[in-house]
Protein backbone atom coordinates (compact mmCIF):
# COMPACT_ATOMS: atom_id res chain seq x y z
CA MET A 1 -29.76 24.93 113.62
CA SER A 2 -30.14 21.50 115.71
CA GLU A 3 -30.95 17.90 114.43
CA SER A 4 -34.60 18.51 115.18
CA GLY A 5 -34.50 21.31 112.66
CA LEU A 6 -34.98 23.86 115.33
CA PRO A 7 -33.06 26.93 115.67
CA LEU A 8 -30.03 26.21 117.91
CA ALA A 9 -31.03 28.37 120.44
CA ALA A 10 -34.42 27.22 120.78
CA HIS A 11 -33.05 23.55 121.15
CA MET A 12 -30.50 24.85 124.17
CA VAL A 13 -33.81 26.31 125.67
CA GLU A 14 -35.43 23.17 125.38
CA ALA A 15 -32.72 21.30 126.87
CA MET A 16 -33.29 23.45 129.69
CA ASP A 17 -36.75 22.71 130.03
CA ALA A 18 -36.07 19.10 129.80
CA ALA A 19 -33.41 19.34 132.59
CA ASP A 20 -36.04 21.00 134.94
CA ALA A 21 -38.67 18.08 134.20
CA LEU A 22 -35.72 15.56 134.92
CA TRP A 23 -34.79 17.29 138.32
CA ASP A 24 -38.33 17.46 139.58
CA GLY A 25 -39.37 13.67 138.42
CA TYR A 26 -36.70 11.64 137.58
CA LEU A 27 -33.36 12.16 139.01
CA SER A 28 -32.24 10.32 141.98
CA PRO A 29 -32.25 11.94 145.20
CA ALA A 30 -28.63 10.97 145.60
CA PHE A 31 -27.60 12.84 142.23
CA ARG A 32 -29.43 15.96 143.51
CA GLU A 33 -27.99 16.07 147.15
CA GLY A 34 -24.50 15.14 145.69
CA LEU A 35 -24.73 18.30 143.09
CA ALA A 36 -25.95 20.49 145.77
CA ALA A 37 -23.31 19.82 148.30
CA GLY A 38 -21.55 22.99 149.19
CA ILE A 39 -23.66 25.16 146.78
CA GLY A 40 -27.44 24.62 147.98
CA GLU A 41 -30.48 22.93 146.08
CA GLY A 42 -31.37 25.88 144.04
CA ARG A 43 -28.05 26.94 142.71
CA ALA A 44 -27.54 23.13 141.66
CA ARG A 45 -30.46 23.15 139.97
CA ALA A 46 -29.66 26.06 137.99
CA LEU A 47 -26.17 24.61 137.28
CA TYR A 48 -27.74 21.48 135.96
CA ARG A 49 -30.19 23.42 133.41
CA TRP A 50 -27.09 25.41 132.52
CA LEU A 51 -24.82 22.73 132.01
CA SER A 52 -27.65 21.02 129.86
CA ALA A 53 -28.07 23.91 127.59
CA LEU A 54 -24.33 24.24 126.96
CA SER A 55 -24.31 20.56 125.79
CA GLY A 56 -25.81 22.09 122.53
CA LEU A 57 -22.86 24.88 122.47
CA GLY A 58 -20.97 22.35 120.01
CA ARG A 59 -23.34 22.36 117.36
CA CYS A 60 -22.56 25.98 116.80
CA THR A 61 -19.30 24.77 114.92
CA PRO A 62 -18.45 24.89 111.09
CA GLY A 63 -18.75 21.28 110.54
CA TYR A 64 -21.77 20.70 112.25
CA GLN A 65 -23.58 23.54 110.63
CA GLY A 66 -22.54 22.62 107.47
CA LEU A 67 -23.94 19.36 107.79
CA GLN A 68 -27.44 20.21 109.13
CA ALA A 69 -27.57 22.98 106.36
CA ALA A 70 -27.01 20.41 103.73
CA ARG A 71 -29.38 17.97 105.51
CA PHE A 72 -32.51 20.54 105.81
CA SER A 73 -31.94 22.60 102.35
CA GLY A 74 -29.23 20.83 100.36
CA ASP A 75 -27.09 23.94 100.52
CA ALA A 76 -24.38 23.91 102.78
CA ALA A 77 -23.90 27.86 101.83
CA THR A 78 -26.76 28.66 104.37
CA ALA A 79 -24.79 28.05 107.11
CA PRO A 80 -23.85 31.65 109.05
CA VAL A 81 -20.21 31.71 107.98
CA PRO A 82 -18.31 29.52 105.34
CA VAL A 83 -18.05 25.86 106.90
CA ALA A 84 -14.87 24.11 107.47
CA PRO A 85 -14.15 20.69 105.53
CA ARG A 86 -13.87 18.51 108.78
CA PRO A 87 -16.99 17.94 110.95
CA GLY A 88 -15.34 17.28 114.30
CA ARG A 89 -17.26 15.90 117.01
CA HIS A 90 -19.94 18.34 118.31
CA ASP A 91 -19.97 16.77 121.81
CA ARG A 92 -16.04 17.35 122.09
CA ALA A 93 -16.51 20.84 120.81
CA SER A 94 -19.22 21.40 123.36
CA SER A 95 -16.52 20.23 126.37
CA LEU A 96 -13.89 22.46 124.65
CA LEU A 97 -15.85 25.62 124.02
CA THR A 98 -17.36 25.48 127.31
CA ALA A 99 -13.92 25.13 129.51
CA LEU A 100 -12.36 27.58 127.17
CA PHE A 101 -14.84 30.41 127.93
CA LEU A 102 -15.04 29.78 131.88
CA ARG A 103 -11.21 29.84 131.89
CA GLU A 104 -11.83 33.50 130.41
CA GLU A 105 -14.28 34.16 133.02
CA GLY A 106 -11.63 33.08 135.77
CA TRP A 107 -12.59 29.81 136.59
CA SER A 108 -9.96 27.54 137.71
CA ARG A 109 -8.62 25.20 135.37
CA GLU A 110 -10.22 21.88 137.33
CA ALA A 111 -13.66 24.05 137.90
CA ALA A 112 -13.78 24.82 134.02
CA GLU A 113 -12.56 21.44 132.77
CA TRP A 114 -15.02 19.31 135.16
CA ALA A 115 -18.02 21.74 133.46
CA GLY A 116 -16.63 21.05 130.05
CA TYR A 117 -16.71 17.36 130.94
CA ALA A 118 -20.33 17.40 132.15
CA VAL A 119 -21.64 19.24 128.84
CA GLY A 120 -19.77 16.69 126.34
CA GLY A 121 -18.54 14.02 128.12
CA TRP A 122 -14.81 14.72 126.97
CA ARG A 123 -11.74 15.90 128.94
CA VAL A 124 -9.98 18.58 127.26
CA ASP A 125 -6.91 20.54 127.72
CA THR A 126 -8.18 24.12 127.06
CA LEU A 127 -4.88 25.58 126.49
CA HIS A 128 -3.88 23.41 123.89
CA GLU A 129 -6.92 22.06 122.05
CA ALA A 130 -8.61 25.19 121.62
CA GLU A 131 -6.06 26.14 119.09
CA ASP A 132 -7.59 23.71 116.70
CA SER A 133 -9.92 26.43 114.75
CA GLU A 134 -10.51 23.84 111.97
CA GLU A 135 -12.54 22.13 114.38
CA ILE A 136 -14.33 24.76 116.40
CA GLY A 137 -14.29 27.75 113.89
CA GLY A 138 -12.17 30.87 113.58
CA VAL A 139 -13.18 34.32 115.26
CA GLN A 140 -16.33 34.75 113.30
CA TRP A 141 -17.54 31.34 114.97
CA ARG A 142 -16.24 32.34 118.44
CA ALA A 143 -18.47 35.71 118.20
CA LEU A 144 -21.73 33.34 117.64
CA GLN A 145 -20.28 30.87 120.42
CA ARG A 146 -19.76 33.35 122.99
CA ASP A 147 -23.26 34.77 122.24
CA LEU A 148 -24.92 31.49 122.83
CA PHE A 149 -22.93 30.61 126.16
CA TYR A 150 -23.58 34.00 127.66
CA GLY A 151 -27.29 34.28 126.56
CA MET A 152 -27.90 30.73 128.07
CA THR A 153 -25.79 31.65 131.13
CA GLY A 154 -28.30 34.40 131.77
CA ALA A 155 -31.45 32.48 130.87
CA ALA A 156 -30.27 29.53 133.49
CA GLY A 157 -29.96 32.09 136.09
CA LEU A 158 -26.60 31.00 136.89
CA PRO A 159 -23.97 33.58 138.58
CA LEU A 160 -20.63 32.35 137.33
CA ASP A 161 -18.33 34.04 139.79
CA THR A 162 -19.92 31.76 142.63
CA LEU A 163 -18.74 28.65 141.09
CA ALA A 164 -15.32 29.74 139.98
CA ALA A 165 -13.50 27.18 142.21
CA HIS A 166 -16.42 24.71 142.81
CA VAL A 167 -15.70 21.00 141.72
CA PRO A 168 -17.84 18.45 142.60
CA ALA A 169 -17.11 15.04 143.87
CA PRO A 170 -15.67 12.65 141.08
CA GLY A 171 -18.87 10.33 141.33
CA VAL A 172 -21.08 13.49 140.99
CA GLN A 173 -19.28 14.62 137.71
CA LEU A 174 -20.05 11.25 136.08
CA ALA A 175 -23.66 11.22 137.10
CA CYS A 176 -24.06 14.67 135.85
CA SER A 177 -22.51 13.90 132.51
CA GLY A 178 -25.26 11.48 132.01
CA ALA A 179 -27.91 13.46 133.25
CA VAL A 180 -26.95 16.56 131.03
CA ILE A 181 -26.78 14.12 128.18
CA LEU A 182 -30.36 12.63 128.85
CA ALA A 183 -31.99 16.42 128.82
CA ASP A 184 -29.70 17.14 125.48
CA ARG A 185 -31.40 13.92 123.94
CA MET A 186 -34.88 14.69 125.17
CA ALA A 187 -34.67 18.03 123.47
CA ALA A 188 -33.24 16.60 120.25
CA GLU A 189 -35.69 14.11 119.93
CA GLY A 190 -38.67 16.38 121.23
CA GLY A 191 -39.93 13.63 123.21
CA GLU A 192 -40.87 13.07 127.03
CA LEU A 193 -39.75 10.58 129.45
CA PRO A 194 -42.23 7.85 129.63
CA ALA A 195 -44.05 7.67 132.81
CA ALA A 196 -43.66 4.90 135.08
CA VAL A 197 -46.73 3.17 135.60
CA PRO A 198 -46.18 0.34 138.07
CA PRO A 199 -48.89 -2.30 138.47
CA ALA A 200 -51.08 -2.45 141.57
CA LEU A 201 -49.16 -4.01 144.55
CA ALA A 202 -52.30 -6.31 144.75
CA ASP A 203 -51.72 -7.80 141.43
CA LEU A 204 -47.99 -8.52 142.22
CA GLY A 205 -46.35 -11.31 143.89
CA ALA A 206 -48.09 -14.67 142.82
CA PRO A 207 -45.98 -17.36 141.97
CA SER A 208 -46.40 -18.18 138.42
CA GLY A 209 -45.68 -22.16 138.60
CA GLY A 210 -41.79 -21.88 138.48
CA GLU A 211 -39.73 -24.19 140.87
CA GLY A 212 -38.97 -23.00 144.31
CA ASP A 213 -39.68 -23.41 147.83
CA PRO A 214 -43.20 -21.87 148.58
CA GLN A 215 -41.82 -20.78 152.24
CA VAL A 216 -38.93 -18.76 150.49
CA HIS A 217 -40.95 -17.03 147.83
CA ALA A 218 -43.67 -15.97 150.65
CA ALA A 219 -40.73 -14.58 152.96
CA ALA A 220 -39.43 -12.85 150.20
CA LEU A 221 -42.53 -11.05 149.26
CA GLU A 222 -43.18 -10.34 152.77
CA ALA A 223 -39.93 -8.61 152.98
CA ALA A 224 -40.48 -6.69 149.80
CA PHE A 225 -43.80 -5.49 151.03
CA GLU A 226 -42.38 -4.18 154.47
CA MET A 227 -39.59 -2.37 153.27
CA GLU A 228 -40.64 1.46 153.77
CA ALA A 229 -37.79 2.63 151.98
CA PRO A 230 -35.28 1.11 149.32
CA GLY A 231 -33.14 -1.69 150.57
CA LEU A 232 -31.21 -4.83 150.14
CA LEU A 233 -33.22 -8.17 150.12
CA LEU A 234 -30.91 -11.36 150.06
CA ILE A 235 -32.29 -14.48 149.18
CA GLY A 236 -29.88 -17.27 149.78
CA ALA A 237 -31.29 -20.17 147.68
CA PRO A 238 -29.88 -20.47 144.14
CA GLU A 239 -33.11 -21.67 142.89
CA GLU A 240 -35.40 -18.74 143.83
CA THR A 241 -35.11 -16.71 140.67
CA GLU A 242 -38.84 -16.72 140.55
CA ALA A 243 -38.90 -15.09 144.21
CA ALA A 244 -36.22 -12.54 143.28
CA PHE A 245 -38.51 -11.73 139.99
CA ALA A 246 -41.57 -11.33 142.06
CA SER A 247 -39.96 -9.45 144.94
CA ALA A 248 -38.47 -7.03 142.55
CA GLU A 249 -41.63 -6.39 140.95
CA VAL A 250 -43.22 -5.31 144.33
CA LEU A 251 -40.35 -3.10 145.05
CA ALA A 252 -40.34 -1.45 141.59
CA ALA A 253 -44.23 -0.85 142.12
CA LYS A 254 -43.65 0.23 145.64
CA PHE A 255 -41.38 3.19 145.02
CA GLY A 256 -42.74 4.07 141.45
CA LEU A 257 -39.66 2.66 139.57
CA ASP A 258 -39.46 1.87 136.01
CA GLY A 259 -39.29 -1.94 136.06
CA PHE A 260 -36.00 -3.86 137.22
CA PHE A 261 -32.70 -4.65 135.83
CA TYR A 262 -31.60 -8.41 135.77
CA ALA A 263 -27.49 -8.75 136.20
CA LEU A 264 -25.67 -11.86 136.48
CA PRO A 265 -21.76 -12.16 137.12
CA THR A 266 -20.46 -12.88 133.61
CA GLN A 267 -21.36 -12.58 129.84
CA GLU A 268 -21.17 -16.38 129.81
CA ALA A 269 -24.06 -16.43 132.57
CA LEU A 270 -25.90 -13.92 131.19
CA ASP A 271 -26.14 -15.61 127.59
CA ALA A 272 -27.16 -18.77 128.98
CA ALA A 273 -30.02 -16.93 131.06
CA ALA A 274 -30.82 -14.53 128.34
CA GLU A 275 -33.30 -16.96 126.42
CA ARG A 276 -35.02 -18.39 129.33
CA VAL A 277 -35.49 -14.90 131.07
CA LEU A 278 -36.81 -13.44 127.85
CA GLY A 279 -38.72 -16.52 126.77
CA GLU A 280 -40.77 -16.31 129.87
CA ARG A 281 -41.43 -12.59 129.23
CA ARG A 282 -41.25 -11.20 132.57
CA ARG A 283 -43.52 -8.27 133.19
CA ASN A 284 -41.20 -4.98 133.99
CA LEU A 285 -37.95 -6.52 132.93
CA ASN A 286 -35.93 -3.29 131.68
CA GLY A 287 -32.84 -4.75 130.77
CA MET A 288 -30.19 -7.22 131.54
CA GLY A 289 -26.28 -7.03 131.73
CA THR A 290 -23.43 -8.19 133.88
CA LEU A 291 -21.96 -6.92 137.28
CA GLU A 292 -19.61 -4.83 135.78
CA GLN A 293 -22.37 -2.78 134.02
CA LEU A 294 -23.78 -1.70 137.44
CA ARG A 295 -20.14 -0.39 138.50
CA LEU A 296 -19.92 3.38 138.17
CA ASP A 297 -16.30 3.52 139.29
CA GLN A 298 -15.69 1.18 136.36
CA ALA A 299 -17.37 3.08 133.62
CA ASP A 300 -15.59 4.64 130.54
CA THR A 301 -15.64 8.30 131.50
CA THR A 302 -15.10 9.09 127.58
CA ASP A 303 -18.21 7.61 126.36
CA PRO A 304 -21.15 9.41 127.59
CA ARG A 305 -23.60 6.63 126.49
CA MET A 306 -22.19 4.68 129.68
CA MET A 307 -23.04 7.50 131.63
CA LEU A 308 -26.32 7.74 130.54
CA ARG A 309 -26.96 4.00 130.86
CA GLN A 310 -25.44 4.43 134.67
CA LEU A 311 -27.81 7.46 134.99
CA THR A 312 -30.97 5.42 133.96
CA LEU A 313 -30.33 2.53 136.29
CA VAL A 314 -31.28 4.36 139.04
CA THR A 315 -34.80 4.31 137.85
CA ARG A 316 -35.14 0.71 138.40
CA ALA A 317 -34.95 -2.02 140.98
CA VAL A 318 -31.88 -4.39 140.38
CA ILE A 319 -31.79 -8.06 140.45
CA ILE A 320 -28.06 -9.53 140.89
CA ASP A 321 -28.19 -13.13 140.20
CA ALA A 322 -24.95 -14.41 141.78
CA ALA A 323 -26.22 -17.64 143.01
CA GLY A 324 -24.72 -19.53 139.98
CA THR A 325 -21.27 -18.80 141.44
CA ALA A 326 -20.15 -22.11 142.71
CA PRO A 327 -18.75 -22.18 146.35
CA VAL A 328 -15.15 -22.49 146.67
CA PRO A 329 -14.22 -25.65 148.47
CA ALA A 330 -12.13 -25.20 151.80
CA PRO A 331 -9.54 -23.85 152.51
CA ARG A 332 -10.19 -21.65 149.58
CA ARG A 333 -13.38 -20.38 150.79
CA ALA A 334 -12.60 -16.73 150.91
CA ARG A 335 -14.85 -16.10 147.40
CA ARG A 336 -18.07 -17.18 147.19
CA LEU A 337 -19.33 -14.06 145.40
CA PRO A 338 -17.46 -12.25 142.44
CA ARG A 339 -15.49 -9.24 143.53
CA ALA A 340 -17.82 -7.05 141.60
CA VAL A 341 -20.83 -7.69 144.06
CA PRO A 342 -19.76 -5.37 147.16
CA PRO A 343 -18.90 -2.41 144.94
CA ALA A 344 -22.16 -2.73 142.76
CA LEU A 345 -24.12 -3.07 145.91
CA GLY A 346 -22.20 0.28 147.33
CA TRP A 347 -22.94 2.09 144.09
CA LEU A 348 -26.62 0.74 144.27
CA GLY A 349 -27.21 1.67 148.03
CA GLU A 350 -25.64 5.17 147.55
CA HIS A 351 -28.25 6.15 145.03
CA GLY A 352 -31.40 4.67 146.90
CA VAL A 353 -31.80 1.98 144.45
CA PRO A 354 -33.54 -1.18 145.72
CA ALA A 355 -31.57 -4.59 145.12
CA VAL A 356 -32.64 -8.05 145.20
CA LEU A 357 -29.27 -10.48 145.67
CA LEU A 358 -29.27 -14.10 145.09
CA GLY A 359 -26.38 -15.77 146.90
CA THR A 360 -25.97 -18.96 148.42
CA GLY A 361 -23.65 -20.51 151.01
CA LEU A 362 -22.80 -17.31 152.60
CA ASP A 363 -22.24 -17.10 156.50
CA GLU A 364 -23.42 -14.59 158.94
CA GLY A 365 -20.37 -12.49 158.56
CA GLU A 366 -20.41 -12.78 154.73
CA ARG A 367 -24.00 -11.44 155.01
CA ASP A 368 -23.33 -8.73 157.30
CA ALA A 369 -20.48 -7.56 154.99
CA LEU A 370 -22.87 -7.47 151.92
CA PHE A 371 -25.38 -5.46 153.97
CA GLU A 372 -22.45 -3.12 155.29
CA ALA A 373 -21.61 -2.44 151.42
CA TYR A 374 -25.10 -1.34 150.50
CA THR A 375 -26.14 0.58 153.57
CA GLY A 376 -22.67 2.10 154.01
CA ASP A 377 -23.09 1.54 157.78
CA PRO A 378 -21.25 -1.28 159.78
CA ARG A 379 -23.92 -1.08 162.59
CA THR A 380 -26.45 -2.35 160.02
CA ARG A 381 -28.11 -5.59 161.13
CA PRO A 382 -30.26 -7.50 158.55
CA ARG A 383 -33.70 -8.73 159.47
CA ARG A 384 -34.47 -12.22 158.94
CA GLY A 385 -37.70 -12.92 157.19
CA THR A 386 -40.03 -16.03 157.87
CA SER A 387 -37.79 -18.46 156.10
CA PRO A 388 -34.06 -18.34 157.28
CA ARG A 389 -32.78 -17.91 153.70
CA VAL A 390 -34.36 -14.67 153.52
CA THR A 391 -32.61 -11.52 155.02
CA TRP A 392 -33.33 -7.53 154.59
CA ALA A 393 -32.35 -4.39 155.38
CA THR A 394 -32.81 -0.53 154.55
CA ALA A 395 -30.31 2.03 155.44
CA ALA A 396 -31.62 4.41 158.10
CA GLN A 397 -29.80 7.33 156.59
CA ARG A 398 -31.56 6.67 152.93
CA ARG A 399 -35.00 6.66 154.30
CA SER A 400 -35.64 10.34 152.98
CA ARG A 401 -34.86 9.02 149.56
CA ALA A 402 -37.87 6.77 149.10
CA ALA A 403 -40.17 7.94 146.27
């Protein structure tokens, strides 16, 4: 039984259905391309739906079933076999059991353990941790768990022997864990992802009475409207938060995204801006955070919720407000922007996320370096808007990723 009250096998099938819906209409093209590298899109889709189903495998454990039996009937004796006194973590059990069964199938240790990580978000040592029978059950439980494992493998249409040595790139592994958790959560909650309903472009972009240069505002909007694919828009004026918000709204609507995320360099800056930004009730604001929250390479890989947050960011435009960072006087001018800005731009560009960066006092070389970080192409030269404070570019190799 799952927490939704459905039989566990039914929950796992629903997770596969959720994975199909996510693959078709929600996951970033970059994620799908990364997972398909070396195995093809059809097999990658089957892999994702299989992993999503197996995220529920750890629910077939003594402690978890005992808790659910007590919850729905008040009688732990309704579990299929006697329960253990210690519940353990069902997500950790999913990781452990998946890796264990794949090792029995002849998968390499590295391949088995990345798949185990994807289904539960835990790094496990299958040879040592499988001995913890109190957590995952004994012989009777292992038979039930194997039935579910092979049943879902067949339902997903995944030929196990063809992936026995396949290990995706580390970044793909991290994103995959988040995508699997999202599918499992959708199945557990019995809900659907909210459809993005962006406002009409004609309704966007008008200044709302805030401070700023009308020329900069107009140039930022013009650049956002001109973008044929997600790109980076740099506004080199510290007071142009209004222009950044307006252009981010245009980008979100243009590419069918679920609003935008507003990031600042530090928690202190975020705290200072939160009351102002939230008080203005900006439409389409879908979150605020720090630059570090945009860094996939800095995420806590032991916390699946971090992976889920990283995944949901690719459905939004992103504003990085680094203009509040004061320029460093000469000769210590090397760091005008926080160190986290280029890596964050690299992650956003890799996943085809449109970004608006507020930065001030940057020379041409520094601007070019930021666009190179986003596009991944040193040959990219940004276009200048009708205001000299506005520059923008899209990455040619990412044009196919426009929604």
